[in-house]
Amino acid sequence: MTDVGVRAAARSVRQFLPELVGPEAEQLEAEIAGLLVEPGGEDRLRRLLEQREGTRAFLGAVLDDAPEFRPPQARPSTKKDASGYNPLPGRVGSLRAPKFRCPVGDDYDWWRLSQTDSVPKCPTHGCELVPES
């Protein structure tokens, strides 16, 4: 388990906490935010994410996507229309969710899962998120 992958999972899980842990989301988000600014906090982040079923599964899925370390919700999917047509496997026709990050700290990644989603501000710093190039 790589430190890079654990940090990537912790940065991106913040967006999905309400659906993964429900009412605990706000408290857990604050704990994760605090650990992300601590140097060498990867072991504590991993232990924190492994405590709950939803975040444990999320962590595993992100780590399985090495070296990109994307959340499962943001991975490319292949379009399939109502007629059941499914194009040949590969990059042709795949959709990729754009990633945005906090320009101030290395503590928040956000994925635009739909073109109608408005890009939020960083919950830690209150600044505009920037697209990752």
N, C-alpha and C. Protein backbone atom coordinates (compact mmCIF):
# COMPACT_ATOMS: atom_id res chain seq x y z
N MET A 1 0.85 -1.17 0.00
CA MET A 1 0.00 0.00 0.00
C MET A 1 0.90 1.24 0.00
N THR A 2 0.74 2.06 -0.98
CA THR A 2 1.63 3.19 -1.11
C THR A 2 1.10 4.41 -0.37
N ASP A 3 2.02 5.20 0.13
CA ASP A 3 1.64 6.45 0.78
C ASP A 3 0.94 7.38 -0.21
N VAL A 4 1.41 7.38 -1.46
CA VAL A 4 0.81 8.24 -2.49
C VAL A 4 -0.65 7.84 -2.69
N GLY A 5 -0.93 6.55 -2.76
CA GLY A 5 -2.29 6.08 -2.95
C GLY A 5 -3.19 6.38 -1.77
N VAL A 6 -2.67 6.24 -0.56
CA VAL A 6 -3.45 6.53 0.65
C VAL A 6 -3.80 8.01 0.69
N ARG A 7 -2.83 8.87 0.38
CA ARG A 7 -3.09 10.32 0.36
C ARG A 7 -4.10 10.67 -0.74
N ALA A 8 -3.97 10.05 -1.90
CA ALA A 8 -4.92 10.31 -2.99
C ALA A 8 -6.32 9.90 -2.58
N ALA A 9 -6.45 8.75 -1.94
CA ALA A 9 -7.77 8.28 -1.48
C ALA A 9 -8.34 9.24 -0.44
N ALA A 10 -7.51 9.70 0.49
CA ALA A 10 -7.98 10.60 1.53
C ALA A 10 -8.41 11.95 0.95
N ARG A 11 -7.66 12.46 -0.03
CA ARG A 11 -8.04 13.74 -0.66
C ARG A 11 -9.36 13.63 -1.40
N SER A 12 -9.56 12.51 -2.09
CA SER A 12 -10.77 12.40 -2.92
C SER A 12 -11.98 11.85 -2.17
N VAL A 13 -11.79 11.11 -1.09
CA VAL A 13 -12.94 10.55 -0.36
C VAL A 13 -13.79 11.65 0.26
N ARG A 14 -13.20 12.79 0.52
CA ARG A 14 -13.93 13.88 1.17
C ARG A 14 -15.18 14.26 0.40
N GLN A 15 -15.12 14.21 -0.92
CA GLN A 15 -16.26 14.52 -1.78
C GLN A 15 -17.40 13.51 -1.60
N PHE A 16 -17.06 12.27 -1.29
CA PHE A 16 -18.04 11.18 -1.27
C PHE A 16 -18.46 10.76 0.13
N LEU A 17 -17.96 11.41 1.16
CA LEU A 17 -18.27 11.01 2.54
C LEU A 17 -19.76 10.97 2.87
N PRO A 18 -20.58 11.93 2.46
CA PRO A 18 -22.00 11.84 2.81
C PRO A 18 -22.65 10.54 2.36
N GLU A 19 -22.31 10.07 1.16
CA GLU A 19 -22.91 8.82 0.68
C GLU A 19 -22.23 7.59 1.28
N LEU A 20 -20.99 7.72 1.71
CA LEU A 20 -20.27 6.56 2.25
C LEU A 20 -20.52 6.33 3.73
N VAL A 21 -20.65 7.41 4.51
CA VAL A 21 -20.77 7.24 5.97
C VAL A 21 -21.98 7.95 6.57
N GLY A 22 -22.74 8.66 5.77
CA GLY A 22 -23.95 9.30 6.27
C GLY A 22 -23.69 10.40 7.28
N PRO A 23 -24.37 10.34 8.44
CA PRO A 23 -24.29 11.43 9.42
C PRO A 23 -22.89 11.69 9.98
N GLU A 24 -22.01 10.72 9.87
CA GLU A 24 -20.64 10.90 10.38
C GLU A 24 -19.76 11.71 9.43
N ALA A 25 -20.27 12.06 8.26
CA ALA A 25 -19.46 12.66 7.21
C ALA A 25 -18.73 13.92 7.66
N GLU A 26 -19.42 14.82 8.32
CA GLU A 26 -18.81 16.10 8.69
C GLU A 26 -17.64 15.90 9.66
N GLN A 27 -17.84 15.07 10.67
CA GLN A 27 -16.78 14.81 11.64
C GLN A 27 -15.59 14.10 10.98
N LEU A 28 -15.88 13.11 10.16
CA LEU A 28 -14.81 12.36 9.49
C LEU A 28 -14.06 13.26 8.51
N GLU A 29 -14.78 14.13 7.82
CA GLU A 29 -14.14 15.05 6.88
C GLU A 29 -13.14 15.95 7.61
N ALA A 30 -13.51 16.41 8.78
CA ALA A 30 -12.60 17.26 9.57
C ALA A 30 -11.36 16.48 10.02
N GLU A 31 -11.55 15.23 10.42
CA GLU A 31 -10.40 14.41 10.84
C GLU A 31 -9.46 14.17 9.67
N ILE A 32 -10.02 13.85 8.51
CA ILE A 32 -9.19 13.61 7.33
C ILE A 32 -8.44 14.89 6.95
N ALA A 33 -9.13 16.01 6.93
CA ALA A 33 -8.50 17.29 6.59
C ALA A 33 -7.32 17.57 7.52
N GLY A 34 -7.50 17.31 8.81
CA GLY A 34 -6.42 17.53 9.77
C GLY A 34 -5.22 16.64 9.53
N LEU A 35 -5.48 15.38 9.21
CA LEU A 35 -4.37 14.44 8.98
C LEU A 35 -3.65 14.71 7.67
N LEU A 36 -4.36 15.25 6.69
CA LEU A 36 -3.72 15.52 5.41
C LEU A 36 -2.68 16.63 5.49
N VAL A 37 -2.79 17.51 6.45
CA VAL A 37 -1.80 18.58 6.58
C VAL A 37 -0.63 18.18 7.48
N GLU A 38 -0.75 17.05 8.15
CA GLU A 38 0.35 16.56 8.99
C GLU A 38 1.36 15.81 8.14
N PRO A 39 2.62 16.17 8.22
CA PRO A 39 3.63 15.40 7.49
C PRO A 39 3.68 13.96 8.02
N GLY A 40 3.74 13.01 7.12
CA GLY A 40 3.86 11.61 7.52
C GLY A 40 2.61 11.03 8.15
N GLY A 41 1.45 11.59 7.87
CA GLY A 41 0.21 11.10 8.48
C GLY A 41 -0.45 9.95 7.72
N GLU A 42 0.25 9.34 6.76
CA GLU A 42 -0.36 8.33 5.91
C GLU A 42 -0.85 7.11 6.68
N ASP A 43 -0.09 6.65 7.67
CA ASP A 43 -0.52 5.47 8.44
C ASP A 43 -1.80 5.78 9.21
N ARG A 44 -1.87 6.96 9.79
CA ARG A 44 -3.08 7.34 10.52
C ARG A 44 -4.26 7.52 9.58
N LEU A 45 -4.02 8.07 8.40
CA LEU A 45 -5.08 8.20 7.39
C LEU A 45 -5.60 6.83 6.99
N ARG A 46 -4.68 5.91 6.72
CA ARG A 46 -5.09 4.56 6.32
C ARG A 46 -5.93 3.91 7.41
N ARG A 47 -5.48 4.00 8.65
CA ARG A 47 -6.25 3.40 9.76
C ARG A 47 -7.62 4.04 9.89
N LEU A 48 -7.69 5.35 9.73
CA LEU A 48 -8.97 6.06 9.82
C LEU A 48 -9.92 5.61 8.71
N LEU A 49 -9.42 5.51 7.50
CA LEU A 49 -10.26 5.10 6.38
C LEU A 49 -10.68 3.63 6.48
N GLU A 50 -9.89 2.82 7.11
CA GLU A 50 -10.21 1.39 7.26
C GLU A 50 -11.22 1.11 8.37
N GLN A 51 -11.56 2.11 9.19
CA GLN A 51 -12.47 1.90 10.32
C GLN A 51 -13.92 1.70 9.91
N ARG A 52 -14.31 2.20 8.75
CA ARG A 52 -15.71 2.12 8.32
C ARG A 52 -15.79 1.36 7.00
N GLU A 53 -16.84 0.59 6.86
CA GLU A 53 -16.98 -0.26 5.67
C GLU A 53 -16.92 0.54 4.37
N GLY A 54 -17.67 1.64 4.30
CA GLY A 54 -17.72 2.43 3.07
C GLY A 54 -16.38 3.03 2.70
N THR A 55 -15.68 3.61 3.67
CA THR A 55 -14.39 4.22 3.37
C THR A 55 -13.30 3.16 3.16
N ARG A 56 -13.44 2.01 3.80
CA ARG A 56 -12.49 0.91 3.59
C ARG A 56 -12.59 0.42 2.14
N ALA A 57 -13.81 0.24 1.64
CA ALA A 57 -14.01 -0.19 0.25
C ALA A 57 -13.50 0.88 -0.72
N PHE A 58 -13.76 2.15 -0.40
CA PHE A 58 -13.30 3.25 -1.24
C PHE A 58 -11.77 3.25 -1.32
N LEU A 59 -11.11 3.12 -0.17
CA LEU A 59 -9.65 3.08 -0.13
C LEU A 59 -9.12 1.94 -0.99
N GLY A 60 -9.70 0.76 -0.84
CA GLY A 60 -9.27 -0.39 -1.63
C GLY A 60 -9.42 -0.15 -3.12
N ALA A 61 -10.54 0.44 -3.51
CA ALA A 61 -10.80 0.71 -4.93
C ALA A 61 -9.80 1.72 -5.48
N VAL A 62 -9.49 2.75 -4.71
CA VAL A 62 -8.53 3.76 -5.16
C VAL A 62 -7.14 3.14 -5.28
N LEU A 63 -6.75 2.35 -4.31
CA LEU A 63 -5.43 1.72 -4.36
C LEU A 63 -5.32 0.72 -5.51
N ASP A 64 -6.42 0.08 -5.86
CA ASP A 64 -6.44 -0.86 -6.99
C ASP A 64 -6.27 -0.15 -8.33
N ASP A 65 -6.43 1.16 -8.35
CA ASP A 65 -6.33 1.93 -9.58
C ASP A 65 -4.95 2.57 -9.75
N ALA A 66 -3.93 1.96 -9.18
CA ALA A 66 -2.57 2.49 -9.32
C ALA A 66 -2.16 2.46 -10.78
N PRO A 67 -1.45 3.41 -11.28
CA PRO A 67 -0.86 4.55 -10.58
C PRO A 67 -1.74 5.81 -10.60
N GLU A 68 -2.95 5.73 -11.21
CA GLU A 68 -3.80 6.92 -11.28
C GLU A 68 -4.46 7.25 -9.95
N PHE A 69 -4.82 6.22 -9.17
CA PHE A 69 -5.46 6.38 -7.86
C PHE A 69 -6.72 7.24 -7.94
N ARG A 70 -7.63 6.87 -8.86
CA ARG A 70 -8.90 7.59 -9.01
C ARG A 70 -9.99 6.89 -8.21
N PRO A 71 -10.96 7.66 -7.72
CA PRO A 71 -12.12 7.03 -7.08
C PRO A 71 -12.91 6.26 -8.13
N PRO A 72 -13.59 5.19 -7.73
CA PRO A 72 -14.34 4.41 -8.72
C PRO A 72 -15.39 5.23 -9.46
N GLN A 73 -15.97 6.22 -8.80
CA GLN A 73 -17.00 7.05 -9.41
C GLN A 73 -16.45 7.91 -10.55
N ALA A 74 -15.14 8.14 -10.58
CA ALA A 74 -14.54 9.06 -11.54
C ALA A 74 -13.77 8.35 -12.65
N ARG A 75 -13.80 7.04 -12.66
CA ARG A 75 -13.07 6.32 -13.70
C ARG A 75 -13.84 6.36 -15.01
N PRO A 76 -13.11 6.29 -16.13
CA PRO A 76 -13.79 6.31 -17.43
C PRO A 76 -14.82 5.19 -17.53
N SER A 77 -15.93 5.54 -18.15
CA SER A 77 -16.96 4.54 -18.41
C SER A 77 -17.26 4.57 -19.90
N THR A 78 -17.69 3.47 -20.41
CA THR A 78 -18.00 3.40 -21.83
C THR A 78 -19.47 3.70 -22.03
N LYS A 79 -19.76 4.54 -23.01
CA LYS A 79 -21.16 4.88 -23.30
C LYS A 79 -21.88 3.64 -23.82
N LYS A 80 -23.11 3.48 -23.42
CA LYS A 80 -23.97 2.42 -23.93
C LYS A 80 -25.33 3.05 -24.13
N ASP A 81 -25.81 3.05 -25.35
CA ASP A 81 -27.08 3.74 -25.60
C ASP A 81 -28.27 2.84 -25.28
N ALA A 82 -29.48 3.39 -25.39
CA ALA A 82 -30.70 2.69 -25.02
C ALA A 82 -30.94 1.44 -25.86
N SER A 83 -30.38 1.39 -27.08
CA SER A 83 -30.59 0.22 -27.94
C SER A 83 -29.76 -0.96 -27.49
N GLY A 84 -28.86 -0.74 -26.53
CA GLY A 84 -28.02 -1.82 -26.06
C GLY A 84 -26.67 -1.88 -26.75
N TYR A 85 -26.43 -0.94 -27.69
CA TYR A 85 -25.15 -0.93 -28.39
C TYR A 85 -24.03 -0.67 -27.39
N ASN A 86 -23.03 -1.48 -27.45
CA ASN A 86 -21.87 -1.33 -26.59
C ASN A 86 -20.65 -1.33 -27.50
N PRO A 87 -19.93 -0.19 -27.62
CA PRO A 87 -18.79 -0.14 -28.53
C PRO A 87 -17.68 -1.08 -28.09
N LEU A 88 -16.74 -1.30 -29.00
CA LEU A 88 -15.60 -2.15 -28.68
C LEU A 88 -14.85 -1.59 -27.47
N PRO A 89 -14.26 -2.46 -26.67
CA PRO A 89 -13.51 -1.98 -25.50
C PRO A 89 -12.33 -1.09 -25.93
N GLY A 90 -11.96 -0.23 -25.06
CA GLY A 90 -10.82 0.64 -25.33
C GLY A 90 -11.15 2.09 -25.03
N ARG A 91 -10.28 2.97 -25.42
CA ARG A 91 -10.44 4.38 -25.12
C ARG A 91 -11.50 5.06 -25.96
N VAL A 92 -11.79 4.54 -27.13
CA VAL A 92 -12.78 5.17 -28.00
C VAL A 92 -14.14 5.15 -27.31
N GLY A 93 -14.75 6.30 -27.19
CA GLY A 93 -16.07 6.39 -26.59
C GLY A 93 -16.08 6.42 -25.07
N SER A 94 -14.92 6.45 -24.46
CA SER A 94 -14.93 6.47 -22.99
C SER A 94 -15.02 7.90 -22.49
N LEU A 95 -15.65 8.06 -21.35
CA LEU A 95 -15.82 9.36 -20.72
C LEU A 95 -14.91 9.44 -19.52
N ARG A 96 -14.25 10.56 -19.35
CA ARG A 96 -13.32 10.72 -18.23
C ARG A 96 -13.77 11.90 -17.38
N ALA A 97 -13.91 11.68 -16.10
CA ALA A 97 -14.29 12.74 -15.18
C ALA A 97 -13.08 13.65 -14.93
N PRO A 98 -13.24 14.96 -15.14
CA PRO A 98 -12.12 15.86 -14.87
C PRO A 98 -11.90 16.03 -13.36
N LYS A 99 -10.64 16.17 -13.02
CA LYS A 99 -10.23 16.33 -11.62
C LYS A 99 -9.88 17.79 -11.37
N PHE A 100 -10.32 18.29 -10.21
CA PHE A 100 -9.99 19.63 -9.75
C PHE A 100 -9.28 19.47 -8.41
N ARG A 101 -8.40 20.40 -8.10
CA ARG A 101 -7.63 20.30 -6.85
C ARG A 101 -7.52 21.67 -6.19
N CYS A 102 -7.20 21.62 -4.94
CA CYS A 102 -6.96 22.86 -4.19
C CYS A 102 -5.59 23.40 -4.57
N PRO A 103 -5.50 24.67 -4.98
CA PRO A 103 -4.20 25.23 -5.34
C PRO A 103 -3.38 25.67 -4.13
N VAL A 104 -4.01 25.71 -2.96
CA VAL A 104 -3.31 26.19 -1.76
C VAL A 104 -2.62 25.04 -1.02
N GLY A 105 -3.34 23.95 -0.81
CA GLY A 105 -2.79 22.82 -0.08
C GLY A 105 -3.01 21.53 -0.83
N ASP A 106 -2.31 20.52 -0.45
CA ASP A 106 -2.42 19.20 -1.08
C ASP A 106 -3.40 18.35 -0.26
N ASP A 107 -4.63 18.87 -0.09
CA ASP A 107 -5.54 18.19 0.82
C ASP A 107 -6.95 17.99 0.29
N TYR A 108 -7.23 18.41 -0.96
CA TYR A 108 -8.59 18.22 -1.46
C TYR A 108 -8.58 18.05 -2.97
N ASP A 109 -9.14 16.93 -3.42
CA ASP A 109 -9.37 16.68 -4.84
C ASP A 109 -10.87 16.53 -5.02
N TRP A 110 -11.37 17.06 -6.12
CA TRP A 110 -12.80 16.96 -6.42
C TRP A 110 -12.94 16.54 -7.87
N TRP A 111 -13.88 15.65 -8.14
CA TRP A 111 -14.08 15.11 -9.48
C TRP A 111 -15.43 15.56 -10.01
N ARG A 112 -15.46 16.12 -11.21
CA ARG A 112 -16.72 16.52 -11.83
C ARG A 112 -17.31 15.28 -12.50
N LEU A 113 -18.34 14.74 -11.87
CA LEU A 113 -18.96 13.51 -12.35
C LEU A 113 -20.03 13.78 -13.39
N SER A 114 -20.49 15.01 -13.48
CA SER A 114 -21.50 15.40 -14.47
C SER A 114 -21.18 16.81 -14.93
N GLN A 115 -21.45 17.09 -16.20
CA GLN A 115 -21.20 18.43 -16.72
C GLN A 115 -22.06 19.48 -16.03
N THR A 116 -23.13 19.06 -15.40
CA THR A 116 -24.01 20.01 -14.71
C THR A 116 -23.53 20.32 -13.29
N ASP A 117 -22.54 19.59 -12.80
CA ASP A 117 -22.00 19.84 -11.45
C ASP A 117 -21.20 21.14 -11.44
N SER A 118 -21.49 22.01 -10.50
CA SER A 118 -20.71 23.23 -10.32
C SER A 118 -19.49 22.90 -9.48
N VAL A 119 -18.37 23.46 -9.85
CA VAL A 119 -17.13 23.22 -9.11
C VAL A 119 -17.23 23.96 -7.77
N PRO A 120 -17.11 23.22 -6.66
CA PRO A 120 -17.20 23.87 -5.34
C PRO A 120 -15.89 24.55 -4.96
N LYS A 121 -15.91 25.22 -3.84
CA LYS A 121 -14.69 25.78 -3.26
C LYS A 121 -14.05 24.71 -2.37
N CYS A 122 -12.78 24.85 -2.12
CA CYS A 122 -12.08 23.94 -1.22
C CYS A 122 -12.68 24.09 0.17
N PRO A 123 -13.11 22.99 0.79
CA PRO A 123 -13.71 23.09 2.12
C PRO A 123 -12.71 23.49 3.20
N THR A 124 -11.42 23.32 2.94
CA THR A 124 -10.40 23.67 3.93
C THR A 124 -10.00 25.14 3.82
N HIS A 125 -9.74 25.58 2.61
CA HIS A 125 -9.18 26.92 2.40
C HIS A 125 -10.17 27.93 1.84
N GLY A 126 -11.33 27.48 1.38
CA GLY A 126 -12.32 28.38 0.83
C GLY A 126 -11.98 28.98 -0.52
N CYS A 127 -10.95 28.45 -1.18
CA CYS A 127 -10.54 28.99 -2.47
C CYS A 127 -11.16 28.20 -3.63
N GLU A 128 -11.10 28.79 -4.81
CA GLU A 128 -11.60 28.13 -6.01
C GLU A 128 -10.69 26.94 -6.33
N LEU A 129 -11.29 25.82 -6.68
CA LEU A 129 -10.52 24.66 -7.12
C LEU A 129 -10.08 24.89 -8.55
N VAL A 130 -8.93 24.33 -8.93
CA VAL A 130 -8.41 24.50 -10.28
C VAL A 130 -8.35 23.14 -10.97
N PRO A 131 -8.56 23.13 -12.29
CA PRO A 131 -8.47 21.86 -13.01
C PRO A 131 -7.05 21.33 -12.96
N GLU A 132 -6.96 20.02 -12.82
CA GLU A 132 -5.63 19.41 -12.87
C GLU A 132 -5.22 19.26 -14.32
N SER A 133 -4.01 19.65 -14.62
CA SER A 133 -3.56 19.56 -16.02
C SER A 133 -2.86 18.27 -16.30
